Amino acid sequence: MNGDGLPDLVVNTTVLFNQGVDANGNLSFGQSSPTPLGSGAVTNTADLIAVTSDLQAAAQNAFPLIDSIRRWVAPFTGTIDVTGPIQLMTPTSPTANGPNADGVRVAIQLENSELFSLTIGPSDGTTKQITGLTNISVTAGQHLYFRVDSINDGASDLVSFDPTIT
């Protein structure tokens, strides 16, 4: 970022400049540049590269998000109930829930039919419950899918999803 030839670190919209190696031999980064920028140089790097809608669409097309899926196969014909908690876990670092955090969408489907879905916002850490899935008819060999979708940004999308089938 500052042209000194050392790799700098960008976290969300903050640039941490490479300070070199510390006394323990570890790389060190800080908010001030050891190589001062010359006059006329851009000092605010926020929004330096604008992500336009066509660039965003091209990136999503080239690198599509993939749902995390768990599959259950019905061992016999009968009826089942599906219950359990779902929670978007609280980020563990101050930079984890960045400006692009958008939450998750969870869904449960029987073969090609979606039976339950829920969207959880990026700052909603409350526990949700699977609802409305009682007395579901299944045939031996049918697949029940549990899906978690990252919407547009997978950062900070740690989800606890622990369904129970009875």
C-alpha atoms as a PDB file:
ATOM      1  CA  MET A   1       0.000   0.000   0.000  1.00  0.00           C
ATOM      2  CA  ASN A   2       2.750   2.460   0.869  1.00  0.00           C
ATOM      3  CA  GLY A   3       5.183   1.369  -1.849  1.00  0.00           C
ATOM      4  CA  ASP A   4       7.994   0.220   0.453  1.00  0.00           C
ATOM      5  CA  GLY A   5       8.021  -3.267  -1.100  1.00  0.00           C
ATOM      6  CA  LEU A   6       6.848  -4.983   2.087  1.00  0.00           C
ATOM      7  CA  PRO A   7       3.439  -6.708   2.164  1.00  0.00           C
ATOM      8  CA  ASP A   8       0.867  -4.775   4.170  1.00  0.00           C
ATOM      9  CA  LEU A   9      -2.289  -6.229   5.726  1.00  0.00           C
ATOM     10  CA  VAL A  10      -5.807  -5.035   4.872  1.00  0.00           C
ATOM     11  CA  VAL A  11      -8.565  -5.948   7.336  1.00  0.00           C
ATOM     12  CA  ASN A  12     -12.000  -4.820   6.142  1.00  0.00           C
ATOM     13  CA  THR A  13     -11.345  -1.087   5.529  1.00  0.00           C
ATOM     14  CA  THR A  14      -8.225  -0.729   7.726  1.00  0.00           C
ATOM     15  CA  VAL A  15      -4.664  -0.912   6.407  1.00  0.00           C
ATOM     16  CA  LEU A  16      -2.018  -2.277   8.798  1.00  0.00           C
ATOM     17  CA  PHE A  17       1.458  -1.389   7.559  1.00  0.00           C
ATOM     18  CA  ASN A  18       4.335  -3.852   7.711  1.00  0.00           C
ATOM     19  CA  GLN A  19       6.688  -2.710  10.474  1.00  0.00           C
ATOM     20  CA  GLY A  20       9.292  -5.387   9.703  1.00  0.00           C
ATOM     21  CA  VAL A  21      10.478  -8.068  12.107  1.00  0.00           C
ATOM     22  CA  ASP A  22      10.190  -7.588  15.874  1.00  0.00           C
ATOM     23  CA  ALA A  23      12.725  -8.703  18.520  1.00  0.00           C
ATOM     24  CA  ASN A  24      11.265 -12.247  18.493  1.00  0.00           C
ATOM     25  CA  GLY A  25      11.597 -12.594  14.719  1.00  0.00           C
ATOM     26  CA  ASN A  26       7.849 -12.195  14.055  1.00  0.00           C
ATOM     27  CA  LEU A  27       6.351  -9.895  11.454  1.00  0.00           C
ATOM     28  CA  SER A  28       4.817  -6.819  13.024  1.00  0.00           C
ATOM     29  CA  PHE A  29       2.007  -4.643  11.641  1.00  0.00           C
ATOM     30  CA  GLY A  30       0.739  -1.244  12.785  1.00  0.00           C
ATOM     31  CA  GLN A  31      -1.505   1.624  11.699  1.00  0.00           C
ATOM     32  CA  SER A  32       1.364   4.009  11.011  1.00  0.00           C
ATOM     33  CA  SER A  33       3.679   3.590   8.045  1.00  0.00           C
ATOM     34  CA  PRO A  34       7.415   3.290   8.716  1.00  0.00           C
ATOM     35  CA  THR A  35       7.843   4.672   5.196  1.00  0.00           C
ATOM     36  CA  PRO A  36       6.022   8.016   5.119  1.00  0.00           C
ATOM     37  CA  LEU A  37       3.916   8.670   2.067  1.00  0.00           C
ATOM     38  CA  GLY A  38       5.090  11.438  -0.229  1.00  0.00           C
ATOM     39  CA  SER A  39       3.117  14.637  -0.742  1.00  0.00           C
ATOM     40  CA  GLY A  40       0.050  14.164  -2.909  1.00  0.00           C
ATOM     41  CA  ALA A  41      -0.227  10.452  -2.066  1.00  0.00           C
ATOM     42  CA  VAL A  42      -3.592   9.048  -1.049  1.00  0.00           C
ATOM     43  CA  THR A  43      -3.625   8.708   2.746  1.00  0.00           C
ATOM     44  CA  ASN A  44      -7.173   7.396   3.144  1.00  0.00           C
ATOM     45  CA  THR A  45      -7.300   3.969   1.490  1.00  0.00           C
ATOM     46  CA  ALA A  46     -10.975   3.346   2.320  1.00  0.00           C
ATOM     47  CA  ASP A  47     -12.991   3.002  -0.891  1.00  0.00           C
ATOM     48  CA  LEU A  48      -9.769   3.191  -2.956  1.00  0.00           C
ATOM     49  CA  ILE A  49     -11.068   0.362  -5.121  1.00  0.00           C
ATOM     50  CA  ALA A  50     -14.781   0.649  -5.796  1.00  0.00           C
ATOM     51  CA  VAL A  51     -16.631  -2.636  -6.219  1.00  0.00           C
ATOM     52  CA  THR A  52     -19.243  -1.975  -8.863  1.00  0.00           C
ATOM     53  CA  SER A  53     -22.297  -4.177  -9.343  1.00  0.00           C
ATOM     54  CA  ASP A  54     -20.839  -5.695 -12.545  1.00  0.00           C
ATOM     55  CA  LEU A  55     -17.553  -6.559 -10.735  1.00  0.00           C
ATOM     56  CA  GLN A  56     -19.553  -8.064  -7.876  1.00  0.00           C
ATOM     57  CA  ALA A  57     -21.657 -10.134 -10.315  1.00  0.00           C
ATOM     58  CA  ALA A  58     -18.549 -11.349 -12.154  1.00  0.00           C
ATOM     59  CA  ALA A  59     -16.904 -12.396  -8.870  1.00  0.00           C
ATOM     60  CA  GLN A  60     -20.043 -14.229  -7.729  1.00  0.00           C
ATOM     61  CA  ASN A  61     -20.249 -15.986 -11.089  1.00  0.00           C
ATOM     62  CA  ALA A  62     -16.567 -16.996 -10.984  1.00  0.00           C
ATOM     63  CA  PHE A  63     -16.612 -18.006  -7.296  1.00  0.00           C
ATOM     64  CA  PRO A  64     -20.155 -19.105  -6.379  1.00  0.00           C
ATOM     65  CA  LEU A  65     -20.937 -19.694  -2.722  1.00  0.00           C
ATOM     66  CA  ILE A  66     -21.702 -23.306  -1.908  1.00  0.00           C
ATOM     67  CA  ASP A  67     -24.227 -24.288   0.748  1.00  0.00           C
ATOM     68  CA  SER A  68     -23.078 -26.447   3.622  1.00  0.00           C
ATOM     69  CA  ILE A  69     -25.339 -29.487   3.585  1.00  0.00           C
ATOM     70  CA  ARG A  70     -26.015 -32.385   5.923  1.00  0.00           C
ATOM     71  CA  ARG A  71     -28.121 -35.256   4.548  1.00  0.00           C
ATOM     72  CA  TRP A  72     -30.254 -37.769   6.410  1.00  0.00           C
ATOM     73  CA  VAL A  73     -31.610 -40.871   4.656  1.00  0.00           C
ATOM     74  CA  ALA A  74     -34.885 -42.312   5.956  1.00  0.00           C
ATOM     75  CA  PRO A  75     -34.163 -45.866   7.148  1.00  0.00           C
ATOM     76  CA  PHE A  76     -37.828 -46.892   6.909  1.00  0.00           C
ATOM     77  CA  THR A  77     -41.242 -45.637   5.802  1.00  0.00           C
ATOM     78  CA  GLY A  78     -43.189 -43.704   8.443  1.00  0.00           C
ATOM     79  CA  THR A  79     -43.551 -40.248   9.981  1.00  0.00           C
ATOM     80  CA  ILE A  80     -40.888 -38.085  11.586  1.00  0.00           C
ATOM     81  CA  ASP A  81     -40.614 -34.907  13.619  1.00  0.00           C
ATOM     82  CA  VAL A  82     -37.676 -32.535  13.128  1.00  0.00           C
ATOM     83  CA  THR A  83     -36.753 -30.186  15.972  1.00  0.00           C
ATOM     84  CA  GLY A  84     -33.684 -28.402  17.233  1.00  0.00           C
ATOM     85  CA  PRO A  85     -31.834 -25.128  17.730  1.00  0.00           C
ATOM     86  CA  ILE A  86     -30.197 -22.890  15.116  1.00  0.00           C
ATOM     87  CA  GLN A  87     -27.883 -20.020  16.066  1.00  0.00           C
ATOM     88  CA  LEU A  88     -25.542 -17.650  14.244  1.00  0.00           C
ATOM     89  CA  MET A  89     -22.581 -17.616  16.599  1.00  0.00           C
ATOM     90  CA  THR A  90     -21.224 -14.290  17.859  1.00  0.00           C
ATOM     91  CA  PRO A  91     -17.985 -13.273  16.098  1.00  0.00           C
ATOM     92  CA  THR A  92     -14.919 -13.830  18.270  1.00  0.00           C
ATOM     93  CA  SER A  93     -12.856 -10.864  17.064  1.00  0.00           C
ATOM     94  CA  PRO A  94     -13.706  -7.179  16.569  1.00  0.00           C
ATOM     95  CA  THR A  95     -12.963  -7.376  12.832  1.00  0.00           C
ATOM     96  CA  ALA A  96     -14.862 -10.636  12.205  1.00  0.00           C
ATOM     97  CA  ASN A  97     -18.252  -8.991  11.680  1.00  0.00           C
ATOM     98  CA  GLY A  98     -17.068  -6.634   8.938  1.00  0.00           C
ATOM     99  CA  PRO A  99     -19.021  -4.183   6.790  1.00  0.00           C
ATOM    100  CA  ASN A 100     -20.095  -6.920   4.354  1.00  0.00           C
ATOM    101  CA  ALA A 101     -21.583  -9.279   6.952  1.00  0.00           C
ATOM    102  CA  ASP A 102     -25.074 -10.208   5.801  1.00  0.00           C
ATOM    103  CA  GLY A 103     -26.179 -13.172   7.903  1.00  0.00           C
ATOM    104  CA  VAL A 104     -27.223 -16.640   6.802  1.00  0.00           C
ATOM    105  CA  ARG A 105     -30.203 -18.547   5.457  1.00  0.00           C
ATOM    106  CA  VAL A 106     -30.919 -22.027   6.782  1.00  0.00           C
ATOM    107  CA  ALA A 107     -33.344 -24.473   5.194  1.00  0.00           C
ATOM    108  CA  ILE A 108     -34.615 -28.015   5.538  1.00  0.00           C
ATOM    109  CA  GLN A 109     -35.888 -29.848   2.502  1.00  0.00           C
ATOM    110  CA  LEU A 110     -37.325 -33.287   1.790  1.00  0.00           C
ATOM    111  CA  GLU A 111     -35.989 -34.327  -1.610  1.00  0.00           C
ATOM    112  CA  ASN A 112     -36.797 -31.270  -3.818  1.00  0.00           C
ATOM    113  CA  SER A 113     -39.422 -29.680  -1.522  1.00  0.00           C
ATOM    114  CA  GLU A 114     -38.345 -27.039   0.975  1.00  0.00           C
ATOM    115  CA  LEU A 115     -40.202 -27.596   4.253  1.00  0.00           C
ATOM    116  CA  PHE A 116     -38.616 -24.911   6.453  1.00  0.00           C
ATOM    117  CA  SER A 117     -36.410 -21.849   5.990  1.00  0.00           C
ATOM    118  CA  LEU A 118     -35.166 -19.024   8.129  1.00  0.00           C
ATOM    119  CA  THR A 119     -32.949 -16.003   7.473  1.00  0.00           C
ATOM    120  CA  ILE A 120     -30.798 -14.817  10.384  1.00  0.00           C
ATOM    121  CA  GLY A 121     -29.378 -11.281  10.275  1.00  0.00           C
ATOM    122  CA  PRO A 122     -25.644 -10.621  10.795  1.00  0.00           C
ATOM    123  CA  SER A 123     -26.004  -9.299  14.338  1.00  0.00           C
ATOM    124  CA  ASP A 124     -28.741 -11.701  15.512  1.00  0.00           C
ATOM    125  CA  GLY A 125     -27.095 -14.178  17.877  1.00  0.00           C
ATOM    126  CA  THR A 126     -30.328 -15.411  19.454  1.00  0.00           C
ATOM    127  CA  THR A 127     -31.158 -19.105  19.298  1.00  0.00           C
ATOM    128  CA  LYS A 128     -33.962 -19.973  16.884  1.00  0.00           C
ATOM    129  CA  GLN A 129     -35.962 -23.210  16.805  1.00  0.00           C
ATOM    130  CA  ILE A 130     -37.019 -25.426  13.914  1.00  0.00           C
ATOM    131  CA  THR A 131     -40.809 -25.139  13.803  1.00  0.00           C
ATOM    132  CA  GLY A 132     -43.696 -26.741  11.945  1.00  0.00           C
ATOM    133  CA  LEU A 133     -41.969 -30.014  11.083  1.00  0.00           C
ATOM    134  CA  THR A 134     -44.113 -32.612  12.803  1.00  0.00           C
ATOM    135  CA  ASN A 135     -45.719 -35.736  11.355  1.00  0.00           C
ATOM    136  CA  ILE A 136     -43.709 -35.511   8.119  1.00  0.00           C
ATOM    137  CA  SER A 137     -44.350 -38.589   5.960  1.00  0.00           C
ATOM    138  CA  VAL A 138     -41.198 -40.247   4.614  1.00  0.00           C
ATOM    139  CA  THR A 139     -40.512 -43.317   2.518  1.00  0.00           C
ATOM    140  CA  ALA A 140     -37.507 -45.521   3.153  1.00  0.00           C
ATOM    141  CA  GLY A 141     -34.542 -44.120   1.207  1.00  0.00           C
ATOM    142  CA  GLN A 142     -35.857 -40.537   0.924  1.00  0.00           C
ATOM    143  CA  HIS A 143     -33.347 -37.749   1.612  1.00  0.00           C
ATOM    144  CA  LEU A 144     -33.819 -34.936   4.100  1.00  0.00           C
ATOM    145  CA  TYR A 145     -31.347 -32.071   3.586  1.00  0.00           C
ATOM    146  CA  PHE A 146     -30.221 -29.509   6.155  1.00  0.00           C
ATOM    147  CA  ARG A 147     -28.702 -26.473   4.407  1.00  0.00           C
ATOM    148  CA  VAL A 148     -26.810 -23.365   5.518  1.00  0.00           C
ATOM    149  CA  ASP A 149     -26.342 -20.595   2.939  1.00  0.00           C
ATOM    150  CA  SER A 150     -23.946 -17.666   3.384  1.00  0.00           C
ATOM    151  CA  ILE A 151     -26.134 -15.246   1.390  1.00  0.00           C
ATOM    152  CA  ASN A 152     -23.344 -13.113  -0.233  1.00  0.00           C
ATOM    153  CA  ASP A 153     -20.440 -13.046   2.226  1.00  0.00           C
ATOM    154  CA  GLY A 154     -19.285 -16.159   4.073  1.00  0.00           C
ATOM    155  CA  ALA A 155     -17.114 -14.306   6.600  1.00  0.00           C
ATOM    156  CA  SER A 156     -18.474 -14.520  10.173  1.00  0.00           C
ATOM    157  CA  ASP A 157     -20.993 -17.217   9.225  1.00  0.00           C
ATOM    158  CA  LEU A 158     -20.322 -19.721  11.992  1.00  0.00           C
ATOM    159  CA  VAL A 159     -23.636 -21.456  12.631  1.00  0.00           C
ATOM    160  CA  SER A 160     -24.709 -23.929  15.296  1.00  0.00           C
ATOM    161  CA  PHE A 161     -27.402 -26.100  13.650  1.00  0.00           C
ATOM    162  CA  ASP A 162     -28.217 -29.244  15.652  1.00  0.00           C
ATOM    163  CA  PRO A 163     -31.404 -30.880  14.342  1.00  0.00           C
ATOM    164  CA  THR A 164     -33.005 -33.920  15.962  1.00  0.00           C
ATOM    165  CA  ILE A 165     -35.132 -36.398  14.036  1.00  0.00           C
ATOM    166  CA  THR A 166     -37.589 -38.573  15.978  1.00  0.00           C
END
